[in-house]
Each structure stands twice: as C-alpha cells, then as structure tokens.
Amino acid sequence: MKKLIVLAIIMAVMVLVAALAHAQAPPNDLKPTFISPTPGLYVNGWPAFTLSYPKEWVETPVAAQISEGLMAGAVRPGSEELSPLLSIAVFVNGLPLEDWAKIHLPFFMAVSTDVKVLSDKPLQLKDGTRAREAEFEFVPKVDLSGRSVKNPAKHNVLYLATKRDLTWVTIFLVDDRGRIGEDLKEIAYSLTFQSDREKPVNVPLDVKAFLDMYCADVVGHDVKTIMAHYSDRFLQFGASKAFTERGFRNDPLYLGQAGPSLEATVTVFEPHGDKAYIDGFFLRSFKPILSLKAAMGVQQIVNEHGQWKWFGNQK
C-alpha cells in the first residue's frame, strides 16, 4: 500500500504538468539506461546527464506517461515496499521553472491533506546549471487506483528540477521518515550534465528521410498523416498509438505549434536488426529570432515493410 501511495503522489503531479560513490565509465562510453542499464546509475540520452543512487535499490515499473524516466527505491527488511523512492522524469513542458510550487501545489492538495511547503528555493548545480528545489510534507488521500487510503502516514518529498529549453529534468525523492535527509539530497545533487555526449551523430539516409518527413508532417498539423509514422505496435511507457494520437489532437506542443518549423537532431543511434534505438531533440524555430529544443526521448524505431516507424520504449 505504501508503494501505491508514493507512486500516486508522484504520478498525480507528473501527469499534470547518488547516495553512494559510484565508479562510472568515461562519458563518451556511456549508453542510456534504456539501452544498457547499470545498477546504481541512471544515464539519460538527451539532455545528456547521469544521476547516481545506491546500487542495491531496485527498479519498479514507470506508469504510462510520455517521458523518459526511472523509478527505483530501497526494499525495507521483511517487506516488498520501496521506501525511500526515487523518480526521474524528462518531459516537455512550457511552464517557468520559478513557479513550480505555486502552479503544482493545488494538484498536490487534490490527492493529499495537510500539505505544507517546507522549502522552495533556487539553486545551482555543481556545473552552474540553474535549478529549483522544493520540499513538501503531505498525507496522501488516495492510492494509484483512486481508492481512499486507510490510516495514511505522513510523507515528505524532495523535488529538484531544471530545464533545457522546453525540456524539464525532474527528480522526486519520497520518504515517510520525516524531513528529507542529506543522504537523499546527495542523490538529487549527483545530477551531472555531460555536454560532450550531445554531439549529433550520423544516421542512415533512410532514417534521416523518415525523421525529415515526420517533422514536415507534424508542422503540417494533419494528425492522420502524422500517425502513419507510428507502428500499430507502438508503446511508450505503456501508452499506445491511440493514446499518442489523442495527444496530437489535444495538445498544441505535440503539433509543433510553438514554431513554424521542426527539425530532428539525433545524438544517440544504435541499430539492432529491424529496430534501432534513437534519441536526440526536436528544434522548434521562430526563424530568425528564436529556436527551442524539446527532448525526443530515447525509444526505438522499427522497419516495417521497408518503412521506418516509431516503436516506443517497449522491450
């Protein structure tokens, strides 16, 4: 039940909008976690960053959402529950970083009681990147299924967020032992960006043609044409092709209405038979004055009958 409580709080916020030293491979040799998982180390494709957490923590499935991510936590002795629990998510959102607490507090209050903001402050990561830290105290009202929680315990959540253009990188750490301790904060603060892993890579000509046509069709705003670029077997964090189509019809960001042009840049490409892992960013441009990057999100493409299509991050 505690696991459901924690996941419910995290996902309610996400839908609406290293504690231990860890030996790492040289940055250029790192592969995103989705391609090559390493215990205790999360590796993101684009934006390129790493985050360390205790090696003995175990992963738990990430609920359906259009974002890259990881959930992992500590198993308590004699229990299958994970606490503390870490959640990492990378997603596109136009909200200003400074207003996170003010904008999201009402959503927290909708699924919790006794919500208190214990801290909300700007900070800089070790490399000078601007970020925002907030800590909330709350008592959850519902679990993931929407059922009322009996005798709920008080929880605390540490939220660390930063942005790269339109892309948010967010770290949640939830615990039911009181204020978030320095051991958990060190996990959040281990977030390290690695710009040398963000250089464009070459892709086969037919893959480039697929991406160019996809971008042109997104700018054209014809949802039926856009969805022809998705495999009928597409799944991204459990979200189907039909779910993605609803996003295109309901969310302006999906349709690239943030700018009149859209270009894809690939920073991760690894072929595997009729599939290939791919990551990078989409560049939305208000030429000639402004260009904004939005994460592509590491996933797979699949060659079906000679045509590349989005396949998602299913295994």
Protein backbone atom coordinates (compact mmCIF):
# COMPACT_ATOMS: atom_id res chain seq x y z
CA MET A 1 0.00 0.00 0.00
CA LYS A 2 2.80 2.42 0.82
CA LYS A 3 4.27 1.86 -2.62
CA LEU A 4 0.94 2.75 -4.22
CA ILE A 5 0.65 5.85 -2.05
CA VAL A 6 4.06 7.12 -3.06
CA LEU A 7 3.51 6.36 -6.76
CA ALA A 8 0.11 8.04 -6.68
CA ILE A 9 1.56 11.30 -5.38
CA ILE A 10 4.38 11.30 -7.92
CA MET A 11 2.21 10.47 -10.91
CA ALA A 12 -0.54 12.93 -9.97
CA VAL A 13 2.00 15.72 -10.26
CA MET A 14 3.69 14.33 -13.38
CA VAL A 15 0.51 13.84 -15.36
CA LEU A 16 -0.42 17.44 -14.80
CA VAL A 17 2.30 19.24 -15.83
CA ALA A 18 24.00 9.40 -5.52
CA ALA A 19 23.86 8.47 -2.08
CA LEU A 20 26.84 6.16 -2.67
CA ALA A 21 30.04 6.78 -4.61
CA HIS A 22 29.77 5.09 -7.99
CA ALA A 23 32.51 4.27 -10.46
CA GLN A 24 31.44 5.49 -13.88
CA ALA A 25 32.65 4.77 -17.38
CA PRO A 26 34.10 7.69 -19.36
CA PRO A 27 31.21 9.93 -20.55
CA ASN A 28 31.72 9.11 -24.22
CA ASP A 29 31.34 5.38 -23.47
CA LEU A 30 28.05 5.72 -21.59
CA LYS A 31 24.85 4.42 -23.13
CA PRO A 32 21.38 5.50 -21.99
CA THR A 33 19.88 3.34 -19.27
CA PHE A 34 17.13 2.16 -21.61
CA ILE A 35 19.75 0.63 -23.91
CA SER A 36 22.27 -0.64 -21.34
CA PRO A 37 21.17 -0.44 -17.67
CA THR A 38 23.80 -0.17 -14.93
CA PRO A 39 22.83 -0.75 -11.27
CA GLY A 40 23.03 2.49 -9.32
CA LEU A 41 23.48 4.74 -12.34
CA TYR A 42 20.83 6.44 -14.47
CA VAL A 43 22.08 7.64 -17.86
CA ASN A 44 19.85 9.89 -19.95
CA GLY A 45 20.16 10.27 -23.72
CA TRP A 46 19.23 13.91 -24.36
CA PRO A 47 19.70 16.06 -22.41
CA ALA A 48 22.82 14.08 -21.60
CA PHE A 49 23.14 13.61 -17.85
CA THR A 50 23.78 10.99 -15.19
CA LEU A 51 22.41 10.50 -11.69
CA SER A 52 23.77 8.07 -9.10
CA TYR A 53 21.80 6.18 -6.46
CA PRO A 54 22.53 3.18 -4.19
CA LYS A 55 23.34 0.04 -6.20
CA GLU A 56 21.12 -2.13 -4.02
CA TRP A 57 17.99 -0.11 -4.84
CA VAL A 58 15.58 -1.95 -7.13
CA GLU A 59 13.59 -0.61 -10.05
CA THR A 60 9.81 -0.51 -10.25
CA PRO A 61 7.76 0.00 -13.46
CA VAL A 62 7.16 3.57 -14.59
CA ALA A 63 3.47 4.33 -15.12
CA ALA A 64 2.24 5.29 -18.61
CA GLN A 65 3.39 8.78 -19.50
CA ILE A 66 5.12 10.47 -22.39
CA SER A 67 8.51 10.93 -20.76
CA GLU A 68 11.78 9.25 -20.22
CA GLY A 69 12.22 8.04 -16.68
CA LEU A 70 13.18 5.71 -13.90
CA MET A 71 11.66 4.67 -10.59
CA ALA A 72 13.84 2.90 -8.03
CA GLY A 73 13.82 2.51 -4.29
CA ALA A 74 15.09 0.72 -1.20
CA VAL A 75 13.37 -2.50 -0.12
CA ARG A 76 12.71 -2.47 3.60
CA PRO A 77 13.62 -5.66 5.51
CA GLY A 78 10.69 -8.05 5.65
CA SER A 79 8.70 -6.01 3.14
CA GLU A 80 8.31 -5.68 -0.63
CA GLU A 81 7.62 -1.97 -0.30
CA LEU A 82 10.09 0.55 -1.73
CA SER A 83 10.92 3.44 0.58
CA PRO A 84 12.62 5.83 0.03
CA LEU A 85 11.60 6.01 -3.61
CA LEU A 86 13.39 7.86 -6.42
CA SER A 87 11.64 9.05 -9.58
CA ILE A 88 13.42 10.59 -12.57
CA ALA A 89 11.47 12.08 -15.46
CA VAL A 90 12.34 14.01 -18.62
CA PHE A 91 9.43 15.67 -20.39
CA VAL A 92 8.37 18.66 -22.48
CA ASN A 93 6.61 21.46 -20.61
CA GLY A 94 6.44 25.21 -21.16
CA LEU A 95 5.96 26.20 -17.50
CA PRO A 96 8.55 28.55 -15.94
CA LEU A 97 10.92 26.87 -13.52
CA GLU A 98 10.45 29.51 -10.83
CA ASP A 99 6.70 28.94 -10.50
CA TRP A 100 6.73 25.18 -9.96
CA ALA A 101 5.46 25.17 -6.37
CA LYS A 102 2.80 27.80 -6.97
CA ILE A 103 1.45 26.05 -10.06
CA HIS A 104 1.58 22.45 -8.78
CA LEU A 105 0.57 22.90 -5.15
CA PRO A 106 -3.18 22.71 -5.99
CA PHE A 107 -2.64 19.32 -7.65
CA PHE A 108 -0.79 18.06 -4.58
CA MET A 109 -3.68 19.23 -2.41
CA ALA A 110 -6.21 17.40 -4.60
CA VAL A 111 -4.75 14.00 -3.67
CA SER A 112 -3.42 14.83 -0.19
CA THR A 113 -4.24 16.54 3.08
CA ASP A 114 -2.14 18.59 5.47
CA VAL A 115 0.08 19.80 2.64
CA LYS A 116 2.92 22.07 3.77
CA VAL A 117 5.66 23.70 1.72
CA LEU A 118 8.77 23.29 3.83
CA SER A 119 11.16 24.89 1.35
CA ASP A 120 11.09 26.37 -2.15
CA LYS A 121 14.29 27.96 -3.38
CA PRO A 122 16.53 28.47 -6.40
CA LEU A 123 19.94 26.82 -6.54
CA GLN A 124 22.76 25.96 -8.88
CA LEU A 125 24.05 22.50 -9.69
CA LYS A 126 27.77 21.77 -9.47
CA ASP A 127 28.26 22.81 -13.10
CA GLY A 128 26.40 26.10 -12.58
CA THR A 129 23.09 24.96 -14.12
CA ARG A 130 20.08 26.81 -12.69
CA ALA A 131 17.68 24.57 -10.76
CA ARG A 132 14.82 24.70 -8.29
CA GLU A 133 14.45 22.74 -5.06
CA ALA A 134 11.24 22.30 -3.08
CA GLU A 135 10.25 20.07 -0.17
CA PHE A 136 6.64 19.22 0.64
CA GLU A 137 5.06 17.47 3.60
CA PHE A 138 1.72 15.74 2.99
CA VAL A 139 -0.66 12.97 4.00
CA PRO A 140 -1.92 11.06 0.91
CA LYS A 141 -5.68 10.54 0.48
CA VAL A 142 -5.76 8.03 -2.40
CA ASP A 143 -3.67 5.29 -3.95
CA LEU A 144 -2.97 4.70 -7.66
CA SER A 145 -6.40 3.16 -8.19
CA GLY A 146 -8.12 6.20 -6.71
CA ARG A 147 -9.24 4.35 -3.58
CA SER A 148 -9.13 6.08 -0.20
CA VAL A 149 -6.13 5.24 1.98
CA LYS A 150 -6.83 3.95 5.47
CA ASN A 151 -4.61 5.27 8.26
CA PRO A 152 -2.20 7.06 5.88
CA ALA A 153 1.23 8.08 7.11
CA LYS A 154 2.83 11.48 6.66
CA HIS A 155 5.27 11.66 3.74
CA ASN A 156 7.90 14.13 2.60
CA VAL A 157 9.00 14.69 -0.98
CA LEU A 158 12.10 16.48 -2.24
CA TYR A 159 11.67 17.91 -5.72
CA LEU A 160 14.63 19.07 -7.82
CA ALA A 161 14.02 20.48 -11.28
CA THR A 162 15.99 22.10 -14.05
CA LYS A 163 15.24 22.98 -17.68
CA ARG A 164 16.87 22.80 -21.07
CA ASP A 165 14.74 24.98 -23.34
CA LEU A 166 11.33 23.22 -23.44
CA THR A 167 12.61 20.11 -21.66
CA TRP A 168 12.29 19.60 -17.90
CA VAL A 169 14.56 17.27 -15.93
CA THR A 170 12.88 16.41 -12.62
CA ILE A 171 13.98 14.39 -9.62
CA PHE A 172 11.49 13.25 -6.93
CA LEU A 173 12.62 11.61 -3.69
CA VAL A 174 9.82 10.47 -1.38
CA ASP A 175 10.21 9.21 2.19
CA ASP A 176 7.94 8.57 5.18
CA ARG A 177 10.61 9.00 7.88
CA GLY A 178 10.32 12.78 8.26
CA ARG A 179 12.35 15.56 6.66
CA ILE A 180 14.42 14.58 3.64
CA GLY A 181 17.92 13.78 4.88
CA GLU A 182 21.28 14.68 3.43
CA ASP A 183 21.73 11.12 2.13
CA LEU A 184 18.73 11.53 -0.18
CA LYS A 185 19.67 15.08 -1.13
CA GLU A 186 23.06 13.82 -2.30
CA ILE A 187 21.26 11.55 -4.75
CA ALA A 188 19.41 14.52 -6.27
CA TYR A 189 22.54 16.67 -6.31
CA SER A 190 24.52 13.96 -8.15
CA LEU A 191 22.70 15.12 -11.31
CA THR A 192 25.53 15.86 -13.76
CA PHE A 193 25.11 17.17 -17.30
CA GLN A 194 27.58 15.96 -19.95
CA SER A 195 27.53 18.20 -22.99
CA ASP A 196 30.18 16.09 -24.75
CA ARG A 197 27.54 13.36 -25.20
CA GLU A 198 25.19 15.74 -27.02
CA LYS A 199 27.01 15.97 -30.32
CA PRO A 200 24.94 14.97 -33.40
CA VAL A 201 25.62 11.51 -34.83
CA ASN A 202 25.19 10.29 -38.38
CA VAL A 203 22.23 8.04 -39.21
CA PRO A 204 21.45 6.03 -42.36
CA LEU A 205 19.87 8.01 -45.18
CA ASP A 206 16.54 6.20 -44.90
CA VAL A 207 16.35 7.03 -41.17
CA LYS A 208 17.11 10.68 -41.90
CA ALA A 209 14.39 10.69 -44.57
CA PHE A 210 11.94 9.21 -42.04
CA LEU A 211 12.72 11.91 -39.47
CA ASP A 212 12.55 14.73 -42.05
CA MET A 213 9.16 13.55 -43.30
CA TYR A 214 7.85 13.13 -39.76
CA CYS A 215 8.86 16.70 -38.86
CA ALA A 216 7.28 18.08 -42.04
CA ASP A 217 4.03 16.26 -41.30
CA VAL A 218 3.94 17.48 -37.69
CA VAL A 219 4.30 21.07 -38.91
CA GLY A 220 1.52 20.33 -41.42
CA HIS A 221 -0.83 19.53 -38.50
CA ASP A 222 -2.55 16.61 -40.27
CA VAL A 223 -2.93 14.11 -37.43
CA LYS A 224 -3.86 11.21 -39.72
CA THR A 225 -0.68 11.71 -41.75
CA ILE A 226 1.41 12.08 -38.58
CA MET A 227 0.12 8.83 -37.12
CA ALA A 228 1.14 6.94 -40.27
CA HIS A 229 4.68 7.30 -38.90
CA TYR A 230 3.79 5.20 -35.83
CA SER A 231 3.75 1.42 -35.77
CA ASP A 232 0.45 -0.16 -34.76
CA ARG A 233 2.57 -1.93 -32.13
CA PHE A 234 3.86 1.38 -30.67
CA LEU A 235 4.10 1.54 -26.87
CA GLN A 236 5.82 4.30 -24.88
CA PHE A 237 5.70 3.65 -21.11
CA GLY A 238 2.64 1.55 -21.86
CA ALA A 239 0.95 4.36 -23.84
CA SER A 240 -0.43 3.08 -27.15
CA LYS A 241 -0.59 4.61 -30.62
CA ALA A 242 -4.20 5.63 -29.93
CA PHE A 243 -3.15 7.39 -26.72
CA THR A 244 -0.46 9.28 -28.62
CA GLU A 245 -2.96 10.27 -31.31
CA ARG A 246 -5.20 11.82 -28.66
CA GLY A 247 -2.19 13.84 -27.53
CA PHE A 248 -1.67 15.23 -31.03
CA ARG A 249 -5.33 16.21 -31.23
CA ASN A 250 -5.47 17.84 -27.78
CA ASP A 251 -2.01 19.27 -27.03
CA PRO A 252 -0.54 22.14 -29.15
CA LEU A 253 3.01 21.15 -28.18
CA TYR A 254 2.57 17.81 -29.94
CA LEU A 255 1.74 19.59 -33.18
CA GLY A 256 4.74 21.85 -33.10
CA GLN A 257 2.61 24.97 -32.84
CA ALA A 258 5.42 26.52 -30.82
CA GLY A 259 7.05 27.34 -34.15
CA PRO A 260 6.62 27.18 -37.92
CA SER A 261 9.45 24.69 -38.46
CA LEU A 262 10.63 21.48 -36.83
CA GLU A 263 13.96 19.68 -37.23
CA ALA A 264 15.24 16.47 -35.64
CA THR A 265 18.80 16.09 -34.36
CA VAL A 266 19.97 12.61 -33.37
CA THR A 267 22.54 12.24 -30.57
CA VAL A 268 22.05 8.50 -29.87
CA PHE A 269 21.65 5.87 -32.59
CA GLU A 270 22.20 2.14 -32.16
CA PRO A 271 20.79 -0.33 -34.73
CA HIS A 272 19.59 -3.81 -33.71
CA GLY A 273 18.27 -5.79 -36.67
CA ASP A 274 14.95 -4.36 -37.87
CA LYS A 275 14.91 -1.94 -34.93
CA ALA A 276 17.16 0.88 -33.75
CA TYR A 277 17.49 2.85 -30.52
CA ILE A 278 17.29 6.58 -31.11
CA ASP A 279 17.40 9.77 -29.03
CA GLY A 280 18.10 13.44 -29.52
CA PHE A 281 15.95 16.56 -29.74
CA PHE A 282 13.48 18.39 -31.92
CA LEU A 283 14.30 22.01 -32.73
CA ARG A 284 11.21 24.24 -32.96
CA SER A 285 12.08 27.52 -34.65
CA PHE A 286 10.66 31.01 -34.81
CA LYS A 287 13.09 32.00 -37.53
CA PRO A 288 15.17 34.08 -37.42
CA ILE A 289 14.88 35.16 -33.76
CA LEU A 290 14.26 32.10 -31.59
CA SER A 291 14.81 28.34 -31.54
CA LEU A 292 13.78 25.96 -28.75
CA LYS A 293 14.85 22.35 -28.16
CA ALA A 294 12.48 19.62 -26.97
CA ALA A 295 13.67 16.14 -25.98
CA MET A 296 12.93 13.34 -28.42
CA GLY A 297 13.02 10.74 -25.63
CA VAL A 298 15.06 7.57 -26.05
CA GLN A 299 12.98 4.90 -27.75
CA GLN A 300 13.03 2.59 -30.74
CA ILE A 301 12.13 2.85 -34.38
CA VAL A 302 11.19 -0.24 -36.37
CA ASN A 303 11.46 -1.03 -40.07
CA GLU A 304 8.11 -2.38 -41.25
CA HIS A 305 7.88 -3.36 -44.91
CA GLY A 306 10.74 -1.03 -45.82
CA GLN A 307 9.47 1.98 -43.84
CA TRP A 308 10.79 3.22 -40.51
CA LYS A 309 8.18 3.93 -37.83
CA TRP A 310 8.14 4.94 -34.17
CA PHE A 311 8.06 1.83 -31.97
CA GLY A 312 8.37 3.27 -28.43
CA ASN A 313 10.41 2.18 -25.42
CA GLN A 314 8.95 -1.30 -25.01
CA LYS A 315 11.45 -4.11 -24.61
